[in-house]
Amino acid sequence: MKYAYSSILAITILLWACNGDKSTRGSTADTGRLAKATSKPTALATPNNSTIQSMSTNNEIEITANDRMQYSDTLFKVRAGKRVTVKLTNIGKMPKNSMGHNFTLLKSGTDVGEFANEALAARDQDYIPPAMEKAVIAHTKLVGPGESDQISFTIKEKGFYDFLCTFPGHYGSMRGKIAAE
């Protein structure tokens, strides 16, 4: 009988989480609608020259992150040697301790998977691992729902640079590239 109640409770919680009350149910749907739709590639691989050439250069980047662990855009083209500003806004509704986001730009040649794994143990440093801090060009602070952070930096050399969210579990879907020309 004890296990029957546990099973019923677990099923009830699961159904509530899937259907939820209306005050929280729309959270991911709302952020999905607010996130900018893009036909650009996911930028997991280095984009081809025709994709990059068709993009406009913009050193003022605004990017959103949502409860579905998505950035609003994953590929940007900037002018090398010029100041770049990135503003990250978390448009989600979930608490920062379970769905915080950041934007971390890595130096060319950095092993993104290794960096993400090291970041798991760096909770007190907003998931920026001190042992690999030299691999970071710039990063925002970890932002919760409705919060924003803005950073400025210069990419000195032309090339492709990876960015990612270092919050645990987000690296798989929250990453992209900056092409500096």
Protein backbone atom coordinates (compact mmCIF):
# COMPACT_ATOMS: atom_id res chain seq x y z
CA MET A 1 0.00 0.00 0.00
CA LYS A 2 2.88 2.34 0.87
CA TYR A 3 4.33 1.86 -2.64
CA ALA A 4 0.93 2.50 -4.25
CA TYR A 5 0.72 5.92 -2.58
CA SER A 6 4.29 6.71 -3.66
CA SER A 7 3.46 5.74 -7.23
CA ILE A 8 0.28 7.82 -7.25
CA LEU A 9 2.17 10.79 -5.81
CA ALA A 10 4.93 10.43 -8.43
CA ILE A 11 2.40 10.24 -11.28
CA THR A 12 0.52 13.27 -9.90
CA ILE A 13 3.71 15.30 -9.72
CA LEU A 14 4.68 14.23 -13.23
CA LEU A 15 1.28 15.20 -14.64
CA TRP A 16 1.35 18.52 -12.81
CA ALA A 17 4.84 19.24 -14.14
CA CYS A 18 3.74 18.46 -17.70
CA ASN A 19 0.45 20.36 -17.53
CA GLY A 20 1.07 22.59 -14.52
CA ASP A 21 -0.99 25.50 -13.42
CA LYS A 22 -1.43 28.30 -15.93
CA SER A 23 0.90 30.69 -14.05
CA THR A 24 3.97 28.55 -14.81
CA ARG A 25 2.88 26.36 -17.71
CA GLY A 26 3.48 29.00 -20.39
CA SER A 27 7.03 29.68 -19.31
CA THR A 28 8.93 27.81 -22.00
CA ALA A 29 6.33 28.49 -24.68
CA ASP A 30 6.51 32.21 -23.97
CA THR A 31 10.30 32.28 -24.09
CA GLY A 32 10.25 30.24 -27.28
CA ARG A 33 8.04 32.85 -28.94
CA LEU A 34 10.20 35.68 -27.64
CA ALA A 35 13.45 34.13 -28.80
CA LYS A 36 14.41 35.40 -32.25
CA ALA A 37 13.72 32.82 -34.94
CA THR A 38 16.77 32.21 -37.06
CA SER A 39 17.54 30.11 -40.09
CA LYS A 40 21.26 30.21 -39.36
CA PRO A 41 23.12 26.98 -38.66
CA THR A 42 23.61 25.87 -35.08
CA ALA A 43 27.28 26.82 -35.36
CA LEU A 44 28.48 23.59 -33.78
CA ALA A 45 30.78 23.10 -36.75
CA THR A 46 32.76 25.84 -38.44
CA PRO A 47 30.38 27.57 -40.87
CA ASN A 48 31.28 27.68 -44.55
CA ASN A 49 32.51 30.87 -46.25
CA SER A 50 29.27 31.50 -48.16
CA THR A 51 27.29 31.51 -44.89
CA ILE A 52 29.73 33.97 -43.31
CA GLN A 53 29.93 36.19 -46.40
CA SER A 54 26.14 36.50 -46.53
CA MET A 55 26.02 37.81 -42.95
CA SER A 56 26.35 41.45 -41.98
CA THR A 57 29.07 42.50 -39.58
CA ASN A 58 27.75 43.69 -36.23
CA ASN A 59 29.91 44.45 -33.20
CA GLU A 60 26.83 45.24 -31.07
CA ILE A 61 25.28 41.87 -30.21
CA GLU A 62 22.07 41.33 -28.27
CA ILE A 63 21.30 37.74 -27.41
CA THR A 64 18.60 36.12 -25.29
CA ALA A 65 18.56 32.83 -23.42
CA ASN A 66 15.42 30.95 -22.43
CA ASP A 67 14.08 28.09 -20.32
CA ARG A 68 14.51 25.69 -23.24
CA MET A 69 18.29 26.08 -22.96
CA GLN A 70 18.56 28.04 -26.21
CA TYR A 71 20.32 31.17 -27.28
CA SER A 72 18.32 33.36 -29.67
CA ASP A 73 21.18 33.20 -32.15
CA THR A 74 24.26 31.03 -32.46
CA LEU A 75 26.35 32.67 -35.17
CA PHE A 76 27.68 36.22 -35.33
CA LYS A 77 30.14 38.06 -37.56
CA VAL A 78 32.21 40.87 -36.03
CA ARG A 79 35.08 43.08 -37.14
CA ALA A 80 38.41 41.90 -35.66
CA GLY A 81 40.39 44.54 -33.80
CA LYS A 82 37.27 46.56 -32.95
CA ARG A 83 35.36 46.68 -29.69
CA VAL A 84 32.51 44.12 -29.45
CA THR A 85 29.63 44.51 -27.01
CA VAL A 86 27.44 41.56 -26.05
CA LYS A 87 24.26 41.98 -24.03
CA LEU A 88 22.76 38.75 -22.70
CA THR A 89 19.18 38.75 -21.38
CA ASN A 90 17.55 35.75 -19.71
CA ILE A 91 13.93 35.79 -20.93
CA GLY A 92 13.04 32.64 -19.02
CA LYS A 93 10.92 32.27 -15.91
CA MET A 94 12.72 29.45 -14.07
CA PRO A 95 14.91 30.31 -11.05
CA LYS A 96 18.56 31.17 -11.57
CA ASN A 97 19.77 28.22 -9.46
CA SER A 98 18.11 25.78 -11.87
CA MET A 99 18.15 27.69 -15.18
CA GLY A 100 20.76 30.44 -15.00
CA HIS A 101 22.60 31.40 -18.19
CA ASN A 102 25.82 33.09 -19.19
CA PHE A 103 27.74 33.87 -22.37
CA THR A 104 31.35 32.69 -22.29
CA LEU A 105 33.62 33.40 -25.27
CA LEU A 106 36.66 31.15 -25.56
CA LYS A 107 40.01 31.69 -27.23
CA SER A 108 40.51 29.93 -30.54
CA GLY A 109 41.74 26.37 -30.13
CA THR A 110 40.17 25.81 -26.70
CA ASP A 111 38.64 22.36 -26.23
CA VAL A 112 35.01 23.36 -25.59
CA GLY A 113 34.03 19.98 -24.12
CA GLU A 114 36.94 20.01 -21.69
CA PHE A 115 36.11 23.58 -20.69
CA ALA A 116 32.44 22.70 -20.10
CA ASN A 117 33.43 19.69 -17.97
CA GLU A 118 35.77 21.80 -15.84
CA ALA A 119 33.03 24.41 -15.44
CA LEU A 120 30.80 21.90 -13.64
CA ALA A 121 32.94 22.21 -10.51
CA ALA A 122 33.11 26.03 -10.56
CA ARG A 123 29.70 26.90 -9.07
CA ASP A 124 31.09 29.62 -6.81
CA GLN A 125 32.75 31.30 -9.81
CA ASP A 126 29.55 31.40 -11.96
CA TYR A 127 30.77 28.20 -13.65
CA ILE A 128 33.96 29.77 -15.04
CA PRO A 129 36.71 27.33 -14.02
CA PRO A 130 39.67 29.19 -12.47
CA ALA A 131 42.11 26.59 -13.86
CA MET A 132 41.01 27.49 -17.41
CA GLU A 133 40.42 31.22 -17.00
CA LYS A 134 43.22 31.98 -19.47
CA ALA A 135 41.14 30.29 -22.19
CA VAL A 136 38.37 32.89 -21.75
CA ILE A 137 38.23 36.07 -23.82
CA ALA A 138 35.19 37.41 -21.97
CA HIS A 139 32.12 36.23 -20.09
CA THR A 140 28.95 37.62 -18.62
CA LYS A 141 27.85 36.94 -15.09
CA LEU A 142 25.27 34.22 -14.57
CA VAL A 143 21.83 35.78 -15.13
CA GLY A 144 18.46 34.66 -13.82
CA PRO A 145 14.96 35.35 -15.15
CA GLY A 146 14.53 38.93 -16.34
CA GLU A 147 18.20 39.76 -15.68
CA SER A 148 20.74 41.05 -18.19
CA ASP A 149 24.47 41.52 -18.29
CA GLN A 150 26.62 43.35 -20.81
CA ILE A 151 30.30 42.87 -21.61
CA SER A 152 32.74 44.50 -24.01
CA PHE A 153 35.91 43.03 -25.44
CA THR A 154 38.11 43.04 -28.53
CA ILE A 155 38.91 40.00 -30.66
CA LYS A 156 42.34 40.86 -32.01
CA GLU A 157 42.83 38.07 -34.56
CA LYS A 158 40.59 36.98 -37.42
CA GLY A 159 39.09 33.52 -37.06
CA PHE A 160 36.32 31.53 -35.41
CA TYR A 161 35.67 31.67 -31.69
CA ASP A 162 33.37 29.38 -29.70
CA PHE A 163 30.91 30.64 -27.10
CA LEU A 164 28.79 28.65 -24.69
CA CYS A 165 26.66 28.72 -21.57
CA THR A 166 28.69 27.07 -18.82
CA PHE A 167 25.75 26.36 -16.48
CA PRO A 168 25.69 22.57 -15.84
CA GLY A 169 23.96 20.68 -18.62
CA HIS A 170 23.56 23.68 -20.95
CA TYR A 171 26.68 23.27 -23.08
CA GLY A 172 25.05 20.61 -25.28
CA SER A 173 22.50 23.01 -26.74
CA MET A 174 23.76 26.47 -25.77
CA ARG A 175 26.82 27.14 -27.86
CA GLY A 176 27.76 28.93 -31.02
CA LYS A 177 30.48 30.77 -32.90
CA ILE A 178 31.69 34.27 -33.56
CA ALA A 179 33.45 34.81 -36.87
CA ALA A 180 35.93 37.68 -36.58
CA GLU A 181 36.92 39.20 -39.92
